[in-house]
């Protein structure tokens, strides 16, 4: 788990004294995964990665990032790329032409 120093506690302390980080900002989570911020938002919107909302802010639990990586490592990804409207319509009713 990542550790973060809190203001006023950063000088001369050991790692045991630093606080463990439970939540990451979207930008921090995207950085940890080496993906873009927009992709991070898409993964959260699709339900692939859990987010916690605090007021108007969204935070990503460190555990959710770790679980996402484990699912991807074992080939159990559930994220699906968004479909175009025409493709979705064809799949629902393949006999009808799309405009």
N, C-alpha and C. Protein backbone atom coordinates (compact mmCIF):
# COMPACT_ATOMS: atom_id res chain seq x y z
N UNK A 1 0.84 -1.16 0.00
CA UNK A 1 0.00 0.00 0.00
C UNK A 1 0.89 1.23 0.00
N UNK A 2 0.46 2.27 -0.69
CA UNK A 2 1.24 3.50 -0.77
C UNK A 2 1.18 4.24 0.56
N UNK A 3 2.23 4.97 0.84
CA UNK A 3 2.28 5.77 2.05
C UNK A 3 2.42 7.23 1.65
N UNK A 4 1.87 8.10 2.46
CA UNK A 4 1.93 9.52 2.17
C UNK A 4 2.23 10.27 3.46
N UNK A 5 3.13 11.22 3.36
CA UNK A 5 3.41 12.06 4.51
C UNK A 5 2.36 13.14 4.62
N UNK A 6 1.99 13.45 5.83
CA UNK A 6 1.01 14.50 6.10
C UNK A 6 1.78 15.75 6.49
N UNK A 7 1.26 16.92 6.12
CA UNK A 7 1.94 18.17 6.45
C UNK A 7 2.27 18.21 7.93
N UNK A 8 3.49 18.61 8.20
CA UNK A 8 3.91 18.70 9.58
C UNK A 8 4.56 17.43 10.10
N UNK A 9 4.42 16.34 9.37
CA UNK A 9 4.98 15.07 9.82
C UNK A 9 6.03 14.54 8.86
N UNK A 10 6.47 15.35 7.91
CA UNK A 10 7.33 14.86 6.86
C UNK A 10 8.81 14.82 7.17
N UNK A 11 9.24 15.48 8.24
CA UNK A 11 10.67 15.58 8.48
C UNK A 11 11.13 14.57 9.53
N UNK A 12 12.11 13.76 9.16
CA UNK A 12 12.75 12.87 10.10
C UNK A 12 11.89 11.71 10.57
N UNK A 13 10.86 11.36 9.84
CA UNK A 13 10.03 10.25 10.28
C UNK A 13 10.36 8.99 9.50
N UNK A 14 10.02 7.88 10.04
CA UNK A 14 10.24 6.61 9.36
C UNK A 14 8.97 6.26 8.58
N UNK A 15 9.04 5.25 7.73
CA UNK A 15 7.88 4.83 6.96
C UNK A 15 6.73 4.37 7.85
N UNK A 16 7.05 3.85 9.03
CA UNK A 16 5.99 3.39 9.93
C UNK A 16 5.16 4.55 10.44
N UNK A 17 5.74 5.75 10.46
CA UNK A 17 5.01 6.91 10.94
C UNK A 17 4.18 7.58 9.85
N UNK A 18 4.44 7.28 8.59
CA UNK A 18 3.67 7.88 7.49
C UNK A 18 2.30 7.22 7.43
N UNK A 19 1.31 7.99 6.97
CA UNK A 19 -0.04 7.45 6.86
C UNK A 19 -0.17 6.59 5.61
N UNK A 20 -0.90 5.50 5.73
CA UNK A 20 -1.18 4.68 4.56
C UNK A 20 -2.30 5.33 3.78
N UNK A 21 -2.13 5.39 2.48
CA UNK A 21 -3.12 6.00 1.60
C UNK A 21 -4.20 4.99 1.30
N UNK A 22 -5.45 5.36 1.52
CA UNK A 22 -6.58 4.49 1.22
C UNK A 22 -7.25 4.86 -0.09
N UNK A 23 -7.27 6.16 -0.40
CA UNK A 23 -7.96 6.66 -1.59
C UNK A 23 -7.02 7.48 -2.44
N UNK A 24 -7.17 7.34 -3.75
CA UNK A 24 -6.38 8.10 -4.72
C UNK A 24 -7.31 9.02 -5.50
N UNK A 25 -6.79 10.16 -5.93
CA UNK A 25 -7.56 10.98 -6.86
C UNK A 25 -7.59 10.24 -8.19
N UNK A 26 -8.46 10.68 -9.07
CA UNK A 26 -8.54 10.05 -10.40
C UNK A 26 -7.20 10.18 -11.12
N UNK A 27 -6.57 11.34 -11.00
CA UNK A 27 -5.28 11.56 -11.66
C UNK A 27 -4.21 10.66 -11.07
N UNK A 28 -4.19 10.51 -9.74
CA UNK A 28 -3.20 9.63 -9.11
C UNK A 28 -3.43 8.17 -9.52
N UNK A 29 -4.68 7.74 -9.54
CA UNK A 29 -4.99 6.36 -9.93
C UNK A 29 -4.59 6.11 -11.38
N UNK A 30 -4.87 7.08 -12.25
CA UNK A 30 -4.48 6.95 -13.66
C UNK A 30 -2.96 6.86 -13.78
N UNK A 31 -2.26 7.64 -13.00
CA UNK A 31 -0.80 7.62 -13.02
C UNK A 31 -0.26 6.26 -12.56
N UNK A 32 -0.85 5.71 -11.51
CA UNK A 32 -0.43 4.40 -10.99
C UNK A 32 -0.59 3.34 -12.08
N UNK A 33 -1.68 3.42 -12.85
CA UNK A 33 -1.96 2.44 -13.89
C UNK A 33 -1.30 2.78 -15.22
N UNK A 34 -0.64 3.92 -15.30
CA UNK A 34 0.00 4.40 -16.54
C UNK A 34 -1.02 4.53 -17.67
N UNK A 35 -2.16 5.10 -17.34
CA UNK A 35 -3.19 5.36 -18.35
C UNK A 35 -3.58 6.83 -18.24
N UNK A 36 -4.34 7.31 -19.19
CA UNK A 36 -4.79 8.69 -19.17
C UNK A 36 -5.95 8.89 -18.21
N UNK A 37 -6.15 10.15 -17.82
CA UNK A 37 -7.22 10.50 -16.91
C UNK A 37 -8.59 10.17 -17.50
N UNK A 38 -8.76 10.42 -18.80
CA UNK A 38 -10.03 10.13 -19.46
C UNK A 38 -10.32 8.63 -19.43
N UNK A 39 -9.32 7.82 -19.70
CA UNK A 39 -9.49 6.37 -19.64
C UNK A 39 -9.87 5.94 -18.23
N UNK A 40 -9.27 6.58 -17.23
CA UNK A 40 -9.60 6.27 -15.84
C UNK A 40 -11.08 6.54 -15.57
N UNK A 41 -11.56 7.70 -16.01
CA UNK A 41 -12.98 8.03 -15.84
C UNK A 41 -13.87 7.03 -16.56
N UNK A 42 -13.46 6.58 -17.74
CA UNK A 42 -14.24 5.59 -18.49
C UNK A 42 -14.31 4.26 -17.74
N UNK A 43 -13.20 3.83 -17.15
CA UNK A 43 -13.18 2.58 -16.38
C UNK A 43 -14.10 2.68 -15.16
N UNK A 44 -14.12 3.83 -14.52
CA UNK A 44 -15.00 4.03 -13.36
C UNK A 44 -16.46 4.07 -13.83
N UNK A 45 -16.73 4.78 -14.92
CA UNK A 45 -18.11 4.88 -15.42
C UNK A 45 -18.66 3.51 -15.84
N UNK A 46 -17.79 2.65 -16.35
CA UNK A 46 -18.23 1.32 -16.79
C UNK A 46 -18.39 0.35 -15.62
N UNK A 47 -17.91 0.74 -14.44
CA UNK A 47 -17.99 -0.14 -13.29
C UNK A 47 -16.80 -1.08 -13.15
N UNK A 48 -15.84 -0.93 -14.02
CA UNK A 48 -14.66 -1.80 -13.98
C UNK A 48 -13.79 -1.49 -12.76
N UNK A 49 -13.75 -0.22 -12.37
CA UNK A 49 -13.01 0.19 -11.18
C UNK A 49 -13.98 0.95 -10.28
N UNK A 50 -13.96 0.60 -9.01
CA UNK A 50 -14.84 1.24 -8.02
C UNK A 50 -14.35 2.65 -7.69
N UNK A 51 -15.29 3.55 -7.47
CA UNK A 51 -14.95 4.90 -7.02
C UNK A 51 -15.81 5.24 -5.81
N UNK A 52 -15.26 6.06 -4.94
CA UNK A 52 -15.96 6.54 -3.76
C UNK A 52 -16.19 8.03 -3.95
N UNK A 53 -17.42 8.46 -3.81
CA UNK A 53 -17.74 9.88 -3.97
C UNK A 53 -17.84 10.53 -2.60
N UNK A 54 -17.09 11.60 -2.44
CA UNK A 54 -17.10 12.39 -1.21
C UNK A 54 -17.44 13.81 -1.64
N UNK A 55 -18.67 14.19 -1.38
CA UNK A 55 -19.12 15.48 -1.90
C UNK A 55 -19.13 15.42 -3.41
N UNK A 56 -18.46 16.36 -4.04
CA UNK A 56 -18.38 16.37 -5.50
C UNK A 56 -17.12 15.68 -6.01
N UNK A 57 -16.27 15.24 -5.10
CA UNK A 57 -15.02 14.59 -5.48
C UNK A 57 -15.20 13.09 -5.62
N UNK A 58 -14.47 12.52 -6.56
CA UNK A 58 -14.45 11.07 -6.73
C UNK A 58 -13.05 10.58 -6.39
N UNK A 59 -12.97 9.56 -5.58
CA UNK A 59 -11.69 8.97 -5.20
C UNK A 59 -11.74 7.48 -5.51
N UNK A 60 -10.57 6.91 -5.80
CA UNK A 60 -10.47 5.50 -6.14
C UNK A 60 -9.72 4.79 -5.01
N UNK A 61 -10.34 3.78 -4.39
CA UNK A 61 -9.63 3.02 -3.36
C UNK A 61 -8.41 2.30 -3.94
N UNK A 62 -7.32 2.31 -3.20
CA UNK A 62 -6.11 1.61 -3.63
C UNK A 62 -6.43 0.14 -3.88
N UNK A 63 -7.27 -0.44 -3.03
CA UNK A 63 -7.65 -1.85 -3.19
C UNK A 63 -8.36 -2.08 -4.52
N UNK A 64 -9.17 -1.11 -4.98
CA UNK A 64 -9.88 -1.26 -6.26
C UNK A 64 -8.90 -1.28 -7.42
N UNK A 65 -7.85 -0.48 -7.33
CA UNK A 65 -6.81 -0.48 -8.38
C UNK A 65 -6.09 -1.82 -8.39
N UNK A 66 -5.76 -2.33 -7.22
CA UNK A 66 -5.07 -3.62 -7.12
C UNK A 66 -5.95 -4.75 -7.65
N UNK A 67 -7.25 -4.73 -7.33
CA UNK A 67 -8.18 -5.76 -7.81
C UNK A 67 -8.31 -5.70 -9.33
N UNK A 68 -8.36 -4.50 -9.88
CA UNK A 68 -8.45 -4.32 -11.33
C UNK A 68 -7.24 -4.95 -12.02
N UNK A 69 -6.05 -4.70 -11.48
CA UNK A 69 -4.83 -5.26 -12.07
C UNK A 69 -4.85 -6.78 -11.98
N UNK A 70 -5.27 -7.32 -10.85
CA UNK A 70 -5.34 -8.78 -10.70
C UNK A 70 -6.32 -9.39 -11.70
N UNK A 71 -7.49 -8.76 -11.88
CA UNK A 71 -8.45 -9.29 -12.86
C UNK A 71 -7.85 -9.26 -14.25
N UNK A 72 -7.15 -8.21 -14.59
CA UNK A 72 -6.53 -8.10 -15.91
C UNK A 72 -5.41 -9.12 -16.08
N UNK A 73 -4.66 -9.37 -15.02
CA UNK A 73 -3.56 -10.35 -15.10
C UNK A 73 -4.09 -11.75 -15.34
N UNK A 74 -5.25 -12.06 -14.81
CA UNK A 74 -5.81 -13.40 -14.93
C UNK A 74 -6.85 -13.50 -16.05
N UNK A 75 -6.92 -12.48 -16.90
CA UNK A 75 -7.80 -12.53 -18.06
C UNK A 75 -9.28 -12.45 -17.76
N UNK A 76 -9.63 -11.90 -16.61
CA UNK A 76 -11.05 -11.80 -16.25
C UNK A 76 -11.55 -10.37 -16.37
N UNK A 77 -11.14 -9.69 -17.42
CA UNK A 77 -11.56 -8.30 -17.61
C UNK A 77 -13.04 -8.25 -17.94
N UNK A 78 -13.73 -7.31 -17.35
CA UNK A 78 -15.15 -7.16 -17.63
C UNK A 78 -15.45 -5.90 -18.41
N UNK A 79 -14.47 -5.07 -18.63
CA UNK A 79 -14.67 -3.82 -19.35
C UNK A 79 -14.87 -4.11 -20.83
N UNK A 80 -15.90 -3.52 -21.39
CA UNK A 80 -16.16 -3.66 -22.82
C UNK A 80 -16.13 -2.28 -23.45
N UNK A 81 -15.52 -2.20 -24.62
CA UNK A 81 -15.47 -0.92 -25.31
C UNK A 81 -16.89 -0.50 -25.69
N UNK A 82 -17.18 0.79 -25.62
CA UNK A 82 -18.51 1.25 -25.98
C UNK A 82 -18.82 0.94 -27.44
N UNK A 83 -20.07 0.62 -27.70
CA UNK A 83 -20.49 0.31 -29.07
C UNK A 83 -21.07 1.55 -29.71
N UNK A 84 -20.93 1.63 -31.02
CA UNK A 84 -21.59 2.72 -31.73
C UNK A 84 -23.09 2.44 -31.73
N UNK A 85 -23.87 3.47 -31.89
CA UNK A 85 -25.33 3.32 -31.89
C UNK A 85 -25.77 2.40 -33.03
N UNK A 86 -25.15 2.55 -34.20
CA UNK A 86 -25.53 1.72 -35.35
C UNK A 86 -25.20 0.25 -35.09
N UNK A 87 -24.05 -0.01 -34.50
CA UNK A 87 -23.66 -1.40 -34.22
C UNK A 87 -24.60 -2.03 -33.20
N UNK A 88 -24.94 -1.28 -32.15
CA UNK A 88 -25.86 -1.79 -31.14
C UNK A 88 -27.22 -2.09 -31.76
N UNK A 89 -27.69 -1.23 -32.66
CA UNK A 89 -28.99 -1.45 -33.32
C UNK A 89 -28.93 -2.69 -34.20
N UNK A 90 -27.83 -2.90 -34.93
CA UNK A 90 -27.68 -4.09 -35.78
C UNK A 90 -27.72 -5.35 -34.94
N UNK A 91 -27.08 -5.32 -33.78
CA UNK A 91 -27.05 -6.51 -32.93
C UNK A 91 -28.43 -6.82 -32.36
N UNK A 92 -29.22 -5.80 -32.09
CA UNK A 92 -30.56 -6.01 -31.55
C UNK A 92 -31.52 -6.50 -32.62
N UNK A 93 -31.39 -5.97 -33.84
CA UNK A 93 -32.30 -6.32 -34.92
C UNK A 93 -31.51 -6.47 -36.22
N UNK A 94 -30.83 -7.63 -36.41
CA UNK A 94 -29.92 -7.77 -37.55
C UNK A 94 -30.60 -7.73 -38.91
N UNK A 95 -31.91 -7.94 -38.99
CA UNK A 95 -32.60 -7.94 -40.28
C UNK A 95 -32.93 -6.57 -40.79
N UNK A 96 -32.84 -5.56 -39.96
CA UNK A 96 -33.22 -4.21 -40.35
C UNK A 96 -31.98 -3.42 -40.78
N UNK A 97 -32.08 -2.71 -41.92
CA UNK A 97 -30.96 -1.85 -42.32
C UNK A 97 -30.88 -0.64 -41.38
N UNK A 98 -29.65 -0.17 -41.16
CA UNK A 98 -29.48 1.02 -40.33
C UNK A 98 -29.25 2.22 -41.22
N UNK A 99 -29.70 3.34 -40.77
CA UNK A 99 -29.56 4.56 -41.58
C UNK A 99 -28.36 5.37 -41.13
